[in-house]
Amino acid sequence: MFKALLLDKTDAGFTAALTDLDDARLPAGDVLLRVEYSTINSKDGLAITNRGPVVRQWPMVPGIDGAGTVLESTHPAWRPGDRVVLNGWGVGETHWGCLAQRARLKGDWLVPLPAAFTTRQAMAIGTAGYTAMLCVLALERHGVKPGDGDVLVTGATGGVGSVAVAVLARLGHRVTAATGKATEAEYLRRLGAAAVIDRAELAVPGKPLQKERWAAVVDAVGSHTLVNALAQTRYGGVVAACGLAQGMDLPGTVAPFILRGVTLAGVDSVMVPMPRRLEAWQRLATDLDPALLESMTSEVGLDGAIETARRLMDGQVRGRVVVRID
């Protein structure tokens, strides 16, 4: 038996509860993982609170991220005792996830735990931090270098934003952080932000082309915020878009693309090919200050996951949350 957070939806309604389950109920897979830490990302928050259509089949164990030790494996790449990390691949949506003491997964989904990280640190990064690194890599592929100009990070106090600010600043970029939480300005400056602006400047409809401000942008917000960020990006700049906290609409024009040559680079974290995953984790091991990572991280037990998901959905969580699986 093992403990798991189990979500279910029947004619009687939706339930989310910490439950004892038998190993026989685990889904198919060639690796059995003892999960040591997981985390609560926005997608987990939507699933656990039933505020979004994340779960595709019921019942479901949420948890799109996990880190721990291989217990059993028939996959040629993994042996018992190996330390691994999981991000994405539809886990917590169509396949039982890692907010549980056990997870049966496909070995092709797993990444070796970088030697620089503990399993707790890997989950402090989680999909949010790994997505932030994918955004940084997208900017670099476009040729953005330190000294080219200010880089805007939207949704800066969230998981993606916090890691993006810390990594970009460590690499030498001048970072402007956008947030709706004025009380968190000092937190963002500690992460490395050179300037902090009110998200209200970006959150309402604006002109198709605005004053050129940003050499590049990491956007986790979408909707009008993304449109305004595009309208303010300098000639030839790039915007890496990875989120939809404000909305998944794009109520803008083609003006930034055809008059300023701006590039909109979409960043997906769920189905990223393995070589790029490995590159992102290798870069996180060198480009993310462990002390800053710890400063943006809080911890709860598995029995605190439901309440944490509610707080996340209500905008009451800063940075990253790791879930200790004991």
Protein backbone atom coordinates (compact mmCIF):
# COMPACT_ATOMS: atom_id res chain seq x y z
CA MET A 1 0.00 0.00 0.00
CA PHE A 2 1.06 3.57 -0.60
CA LYS A 3 -0.38 7.02 0.01
CA ALA A 4 -1.54 9.13 -2.90
CA LEU A 5 -3.60 12.20 -3.61
CA LEU A 6 -6.50 10.82 -5.65
CA LEU A 7 -8.88 12.89 -7.75
CA ASP A 8 -12.18 11.49 -8.97
CA LYS A 9 -15.27 12.75 -10.74
CA THR A 10 -18.51 10.80 -10.81
CA ASP A 11 -22.22 11.53 -11.05
CA ALA A 12 -21.99 12.42 -7.36
CA GLY A 13 -19.44 15.17 -8.07
CA PHE A 14 -15.70 15.87 -7.76
CA THR A 15 -13.48 14.65 -4.92
CA ALA A 16 -9.83 15.18 -3.97
CA ALA A 17 -8.49 13.22 -1.02
CA LEU A 18 -5.36 11.63 0.42
CA THR A 19 -5.92 7.89 -0.01
CA ASP A 20 -4.23 4.53 0.60
CA LEU A 21 -3.85 2.60 -2.65
CA ASP A 22 -2.57 -0.83 -3.61
CA ASP A 23 0.39 -1.12 -6.02
CA ALA A 24 -1.83 -3.21 -8.30
CA ARG A 25 -3.82 -0.08 -9.15
CA LEU A 26 -0.82 1.69 -10.66
CA PRO A 27 -1.00 2.17 -14.44
CA ALA A 28 1.22 0.43 -16.97
CA GLY A 29 4.87 1.42 -17.23
CA ASP A 30 8.36 -0.06 -17.24
CA VAL A 31 9.76 1.85 -14.23
CA LEU A 32 8.45 1.87 -10.67
CA LEU A 33 9.57 5.00 -8.85
CA ARG A 34 9.69 5.76 -5.15
CA VAL A 35 8.75 9.42 -5.23
CA GLU A 36 10.66 11.55 -2.72
CA TYR A 37 9.50 15.02 -3.76
CA SER A 38 6.93 16.50 -6.09
CA THR A 39 5.60 20.03 -6.52
CA ILE A 40 2.45 22.04 -7.22
CA ASN A 41 2.46 23.72 -10.61
CA SER A 42 -0.40 25.73 -12.07
CA LYS A 43 -1.65 22.70 -13.99
CA ASP A 44 -1.69 20.67 -10.75
CA GLY A 45 -3.55 23.52 -9.08
CA LEU A 46 -6.22 23.51 -11.78
CA ALA A 47 -6.61 19.74 -11.50
CA ILE A 48 -6.71 19.52 -7.70
CA THR A 49 -9.21 22.37 -7.37
CA ASN A 50 -11.24 21.23 -10.40
CA ARG A 51 -10.97 24.75 -11.85
CA GLY A 52 -9.80 23.65 -15.28
CA PRO A 53 -10.19 20.66 -17.65
CA VAL A 54 -6.70 19.30 -17.00
CA VAL A 55 -7.57 15.69 -16.11
CA ARG A 56 -8.57 13.60 -19.12
CA GLN A 57 -9.50 10.37 -17.36
CA TRP A 58 -10.72 9.45 -13.90
CA PRO A 59 -9.68 8.61 -11.27
CA MET A 60 -6.35 10.46 -11.46
CA VAL A 61 -3.32 10.96 -9.26
CA PRO A 62 -2.10 14.50 -10.03
CA GLY A 63 1.51 15.66 -10.02
CA ILE A 64 3.15 16.51 -13.34
CA ASP A 65 6.59 16.51 -11.68
CA GLY A 66 8.43 13.98 -9.57
CA ALA A 67 11.92 13.12 -8.37
CA GLY A 68 13.02 9.99 -6.58
CA THR A 69 14.65 6.57 -6.76
CA VAL A 70 13.95 3.72 -9.15
CA LEU A 71 12.61 0.66 -7.30
CA GLU A 72 12.00 -1.66 -10.27
CA SER A 73 12.75 -1.37 -13.98
CA THR A 74 12.46 -3.40 -17.17
CA HIS A 75 13.67 -0.40 -19.19
CA PRO A 76 17.26 -0.80 -20.45
CA ALA A 77 18.28 2.73 -19.38
CA TRP A 78 17.33 2.41 -15.70
CA ARG A 79 18.23 0.16 -12.80
CA PRO A 80 17.04 0.03 -9.17
CA GLY A 81 18.74 2.76 -7.20
CA ASP A 82 18.97 5.25 -10.09
CA ARG A 83 17.93 8.79 -9.20
CA VAL A 84 15.63 10.38 -11.77
CA VAL A 85 13.44 13.39 -12.56
CA LEU A 86 10.13 13.48 -14.39
CA ASN A 87 8.52 16.52 -16.05
CA GLY A 88 5.42 16.51 -18.23
CA TRP A 89 4.56 13.84 -20.83
CA GLY A 90 0.87 14.04 -19.85
CA VAL A 91 1.52 12.69 -16.38
CA GLY A 92 -1.19 13.95 -14.02
CA GLU A 93 -3.47 14.40 -17.03
CA THR A 94 -3.77 11.05 -18.82
CA HIS A 95 -1.34 8.97 -16.71
CA TRP A 96 -1.16 8.82 -12.90
CA GLY A 97 1.32 11.35 -11.55
CA CYS A 98 3.75 11.92 -8.72
CA LEU A 99 1.73 13.33 -5.81
CA ALA A 100 2.03 9.84 -4.36
CA GLN A 101 4.62 7.63 -2.69
CA ARG A 102 4.79 5.40 -5.80
CA ALA A 103 4.57 6.12 -9.53
CA ARG A 104 4.77 3.68 -12.42
CA LEU A 105 6.11 5.50 -15.45
CA LYS A 106 7.67 5.00 -18.86
CA GLY A 107 11.45 4.98 -18.74
CA ASP A 108 11.59 7.08 -21.92
CA TRP A 109 10.08 9.97 -19.94
CA LEU A 110 12.79 10.10 -17.27
CA VAL A 111 15.86 12.32 -16.99
CA PRO A 112 18.82 11.42 -14.77
CA LEU A 113 18.94 13.59 -11.66
CA PRO A 114 21.81 16.07 -12.27
CA ALA A 115 24.64 15.53 -9.81
CA ALA A 116 24.37 19.18 -8.78
CA PHE A 117 20.87 18.70 -7.35
CA THR A 118 19.13 16.79 -4.61
CA THR A 119 15.67 15.46 -5.40
CA ARG A 120 14.25 18.31 -3.32
CA GLN A 121 16.15 20.92 -5.36
CA ALA A 122 15.02 19.27 -8.60
CA MET A 123 11.42 19.72 -7.52
CA ALA A 124 12.08 23.25 -6.31
CA ILE A 125 12.89 23.79 -9.99
CA GLY A 126 10.15 21.51 -11.34
CA THR A 127 8.35 22.11 -14.60
CA ALA A 128 8.12 25.83 -13.82
CA GLY A 129 11.89 26.29 -13.52
CA TYR A 130 12.65 23.91 -16.36
CA THR A 131 10.20 25.90 -18.54
CA ALA A 132 11.96 29.11 -17.55
CA MET A 133 15.25 27.59 -18.73
CA LEU A 134 13.65 26.53 -22.02
CA CYS A 135 12.60 30.18 -22.46
CA VAL A 136 16.15 31.37 -21.82
CA LEU A 137 17.44 28.86 -24.38
CA ALA A 138 14.87 30.18 -26.88
CA LEU A 139 16.17 33.72 -26.38
CA GLU A 140 19.76 32.53 -26.83
CA ARG A 141 18.92 30.64 -30.03
CA HIS A 142 17.59 33.94 -31.35
CA GLY A 143 20.95 35.56 -30.57
CA VAL A 144 20.06 37.54 -27.43
CA LYS A 145 23.16 38.29 -25.37
CA PRO A 146 23.83 40.12 -22.08
CA GLY A 147 24.16 43.82 -22.81
CA ASP A 148 21.71 43.80 -25.72
CA GLY A 149 19.09 45.61 -23.66
CA ASP A 150 16.48 45.06 -20.97
CA VAL A 151 14.75 41.69 -20.76
CA LEU A 152 11.17 41.75 -19.46
CA VAL A 153 9.82 38.90 -17.36
CA THR A 154 6.06 38.87 -16.79
CA GLY A 155 4.33 37.00 -13.98
CA ALA A 156 7.62 37.48 -12.20
CA THR A 157 6.67 36.25 -8.72
CA GLY A 158 5.34 32.94 -10.06
CA GLY A 159 7.40 29.80 -10.47
CA VAL A 160 8.42 30.38 -14.09
CA GLY A 161 8.99 34.08 -13.53
CA SER A 162 11.06 33.70 -10.37
CA VAL A 163 13.47 31.23 -11.97
CA ALA A 164 13.64 33.24 -15.20
CA VAL A 165 14.58 36.41 -13.29
CA ALA A 166 17.26 34.57 -11.30
CA VAL A 167 18.80 32.80 -14.32
CA LEU A 168 18.75 35.81 -16.66
CA ALA A 169 20.31 38.06 -14.01
CA ARG A 170 23.03 35.50 -13.23
CA LEU A 171 23.84 35.34 -16.96
CA GLY A 172 24.37 39.12 -16.98
CA HIS A 173 21.11 40.42 -18.45
CA ARG A 174 19.42 43.54 -17.10
CA VAL A 175 16.02 42.20 -16.05
CA THR A 176 12.78 44.12 -15.59
CA ALA A 177 10.20 42.15 -13.60
CA ALA A 178 6.46 42.77 -13.99
CA THR A 179 4.22 41.88 -11.04
CA GLY A 180 0.89 42.81 -9.55
CA LYS A 181 2.28 42.39 -6.05
CA ALA A 182 3.97 45.64 -5.03
CA THR A 183 4.99 44.09 -1.71
CA GLU A 184 7.18 41.58 -3.57
CA ALA A 185 9.46 44.14 -5.21
CA GLU A 186 12.28 43.48 -2.76
CA TYR A 187 11.94 39.70 -3.32
CA LEU A 188 12.36 40.23 -7.08
CA ARG A 189 15.36 42.50 -6.57
CA ARG A 190 16.99 39.83 -4.41
CA LEU A 191 16.54 37.41 -7.31
CA GLY A 192 18.38 39.87 -9.54
CA ALA A 193 15.77 42.16 -11.10
CA ALA A 194 17.20 45.60 -11.88
CA ALA A 195 13.73 47.15 -12.13
CA VAL A 196 10.19 46.18 -11.10
CA ILE A 197 7.06 47.46 -12.87
CA ASP A 198 3.35 47.09 -12.15
CA ARG A 199 1.70 44.45 -14.31
CA ALA A 200 -1.18 46.92 -14.76
CA GLU A 201 1.01 48.72 -17.32
CA LEU A 202 0.68 45.67 -19.56
CA ALA A 203 -2.64 44.10 -18.60
CA VAL A 204 -5.10 46.27 -20.55
CA PRO A 205 -5.52 46.87 -24.31
CA GLY A 206 -2.81 49.10 -25.81
CA LYS A 207 -1.66 50.43 -29.16
CA PRO A 208 -0.47 47.94 -31.82
CA LEU A 209 3.01 49.52 -31.70
CA GLN A 210 4.40 51.20 -28.60
CA LYS A 211 7.71 52.64 -27.45
CA GLU A 212 10.50 50.11 -27.98
CA ARG A 213 11.63 48.95 -24.53
CA TRP A 214 12.69 45.30 -24.51
CA ALA A 215 15.46 43.39 -26.26
CA ALA A 216 13.62 40.21 -25.27
CA VAL A 217 10.72 39.01 -23.16
CA VAL A 218 9.83 35.90 -21.16
CA ASP A 219 6.03 35.86 -20.89
CA ALA A 220 4.06 33.48 -18.66
CA VAL A 221 0.84 35.50 -18.78
CA GLY A 222 -0.59 35.67 -22.31
CA SER A 223 -3.59 37.75 -23.46
CA HIS A 224 -3.20 41.56 -23.35
CA THR A 225 0.06 41.28 -21.40
CA LEU A 226 1.68 39.30 -24.19
CA VAL A 227 0.26 41.62 -26.86
CA ASN A 228 1.64 44.71 -25.09
CA ALA A 229 5.00 43.02 -24.55
CA LEU A 230 5.18 42.32 -28.29
CA ALA A 231 4.21 45.93 -29.06
CA GLN A 232 7.06 47.17 -26.82
CA THR A 233 9.76 44.79 -28.07
CA ARG A 234 12.61 46.40 -29.95
CA TYR A 235 13.29 45.87 -33.64
CA GLY A 236 14.45 42.29 -34.23
CA GLY A 237 13.71 41.21 -30.65
CA VAL A 238 12.18 37.97 -29.44
CA VAL A 239 9.38 37.07 -27.05
CA ALA A 240 9.32 33.59 -25.52
CA ALA A 241 5.72 32.73 -24.59
CA CYS A 242 5.06 29.85 -22.20
CA GLY A 243 1.94 30.62 -20.15
CA LEU A 244 -1.62 31.87 -20.01
CA ALA A 245 -2.17 33.21 -16.51
CA GLN A 246 -4.20 36.14 -17.88
CA GLY A 247 -5.77 34.16 -20.71
CA MET A 248 -5.04 32.08 -23.79
CA ASP A 249 -6.33 34.71 -26.23
CA LEU A 250 -3.97 36.89 -28.30
CA PRO A 251 -5.97 40.08 -28.98
CA GLY A 252 -3.36 41.88 -31.05
CA THR A 253 -2.18 42.70 -34.57
CA VAL A 254 0.62 41.60 -36.88
CA ALA A 255 2.27 45.04 -36.60
CA PRO A 256 5.18 44.00 -34.31
CA PHE A 257 6.01 41.10 -36.63
CA ILE A 258 5.89 42.86 -40.00
CA LEU A 259 7.07 46.34 -39.00
CA ARG A 260 9.70 45.50 -36.36
CA GLY A 261 10.64 41.94 -37.24
CA VAL A 262 9.76 40.72 -33.76
CA THR A 263 9.77 36.94 -33.23
CA LEU A 264 7.18 35.17 -31.08
CA ALA A 265 8.77 31.92 -29.88
CA GLY A 266 6.37 29.41 -28.38
CA VAL A 267 7.84 27.34 -25.53
CA ASP A 268 6.31 23.97 -24.67
CA SER A 269 7.50 21.92 -21.70
CA VAL A 270 5.30 18.82 -21.90
CA MET A 271 6.48 17.03 -25.05
CA VAL A 272 9.96 18.53 -25.46
CA PRO A 273 12.40 16.09 -27.13
CA MET A 274 14.89 14.49 -24.77
CA PRO A 275 18.04 16.28 -26.07
CA ARG A 276 16.53 19.67 -25.26
CA ARG A 277 15.35 18.46 -21.83
CA LEU A 278 18.84 17.31 -21.01
CA GLU A 279 20.29 20.62 -22.20
CA ALA A 280 17.85 22.57 -20.01
CA TRP A 281 18.67 20.54 -16.90
CA GLN A 282 22.41 20.78 -17.56
CA ARG A 283 22.14 24.55 -17.86
CA LEU A 284 20.06 24.83 -14.70
CA ALA A 285 22.87 23.04 -12.86
CA THR A 286 25.29 25.83 -13.79
CA ASP A 287 23.11 28.92 -14.30
CA LEU A 288 20.76 28.84 -11.30
CA ASP A 289 22.16 29.90 -7.93
CA PRO A 290 21.16 27.22 -5.37
CA ALA A 291 20.85 29.86 -2.64
CA LEU A 292 18.40 31.89 -4.73
CA LEU A 293 16.48 28.72 -5.55
CA GLU A 294 16.10 28.01 -1.84
CA SER A 295 15.00 31.60 -1.17
CA MET A 296 12.09 31.24 -3.58
CA THR A 297 11.01 27.80 -2.28
CA SER A 298 8.58 26.70 0.41
CA GLU A 299 7.77 23.13 1.46
CA VAL A 300 4.62 21.24 2.42
CA GLY A 301 3.85 17.61 3.11
CA LEU A 302 1.63 15.51 0.86
CA ASP A 303 -1.21 16.19 3.29
CA GLY A 304 -0.83 19.91 2.54
CA ALA A 305 -1.06 19.62 -1.24
CA ILE A 306 -4.80 20.30 -1.55
CA GLU A 307 -4.72 23.50 0.49
CA THR A 308 -1.57 24.65 -1.32
CA ALA A 309 -3.29 24.11 -4.67
CA ARG A 310 -6.17 26.30 -3.51
CA ARG A 311 -3.79 29.05 -2.40
CA LEU A 312 -1.91 28.86 -5.70
CA MET A 313 -5.14 29.29 -7.67
CA ASP A 314 -6.04 32.27 -5.48
CA GLY A 315 -2.71 33.97 -6.23
CA GLN A 316 -1.39 33.52 -2.70
CA VAL A 317 1.76 31.53 -3.51
CA ARG A 318 5.12 33.13 -4.31
CA GLY A 319 7.87 31.30 -6.15
CA ARG A 320 8.04 27.53 -5.88
CA VAL A 321 6.47 24.93 -3.58
CA VAL A 322 7.97 21.48 -3.08
CA VAL A 323 5.82 18.64 -1.76
CA ARG A 324 7.61 16.24 0.54
CA ILE A 325 6.41 12.69 -0.10
CA ASP A 326 6.84 10.72 3.14
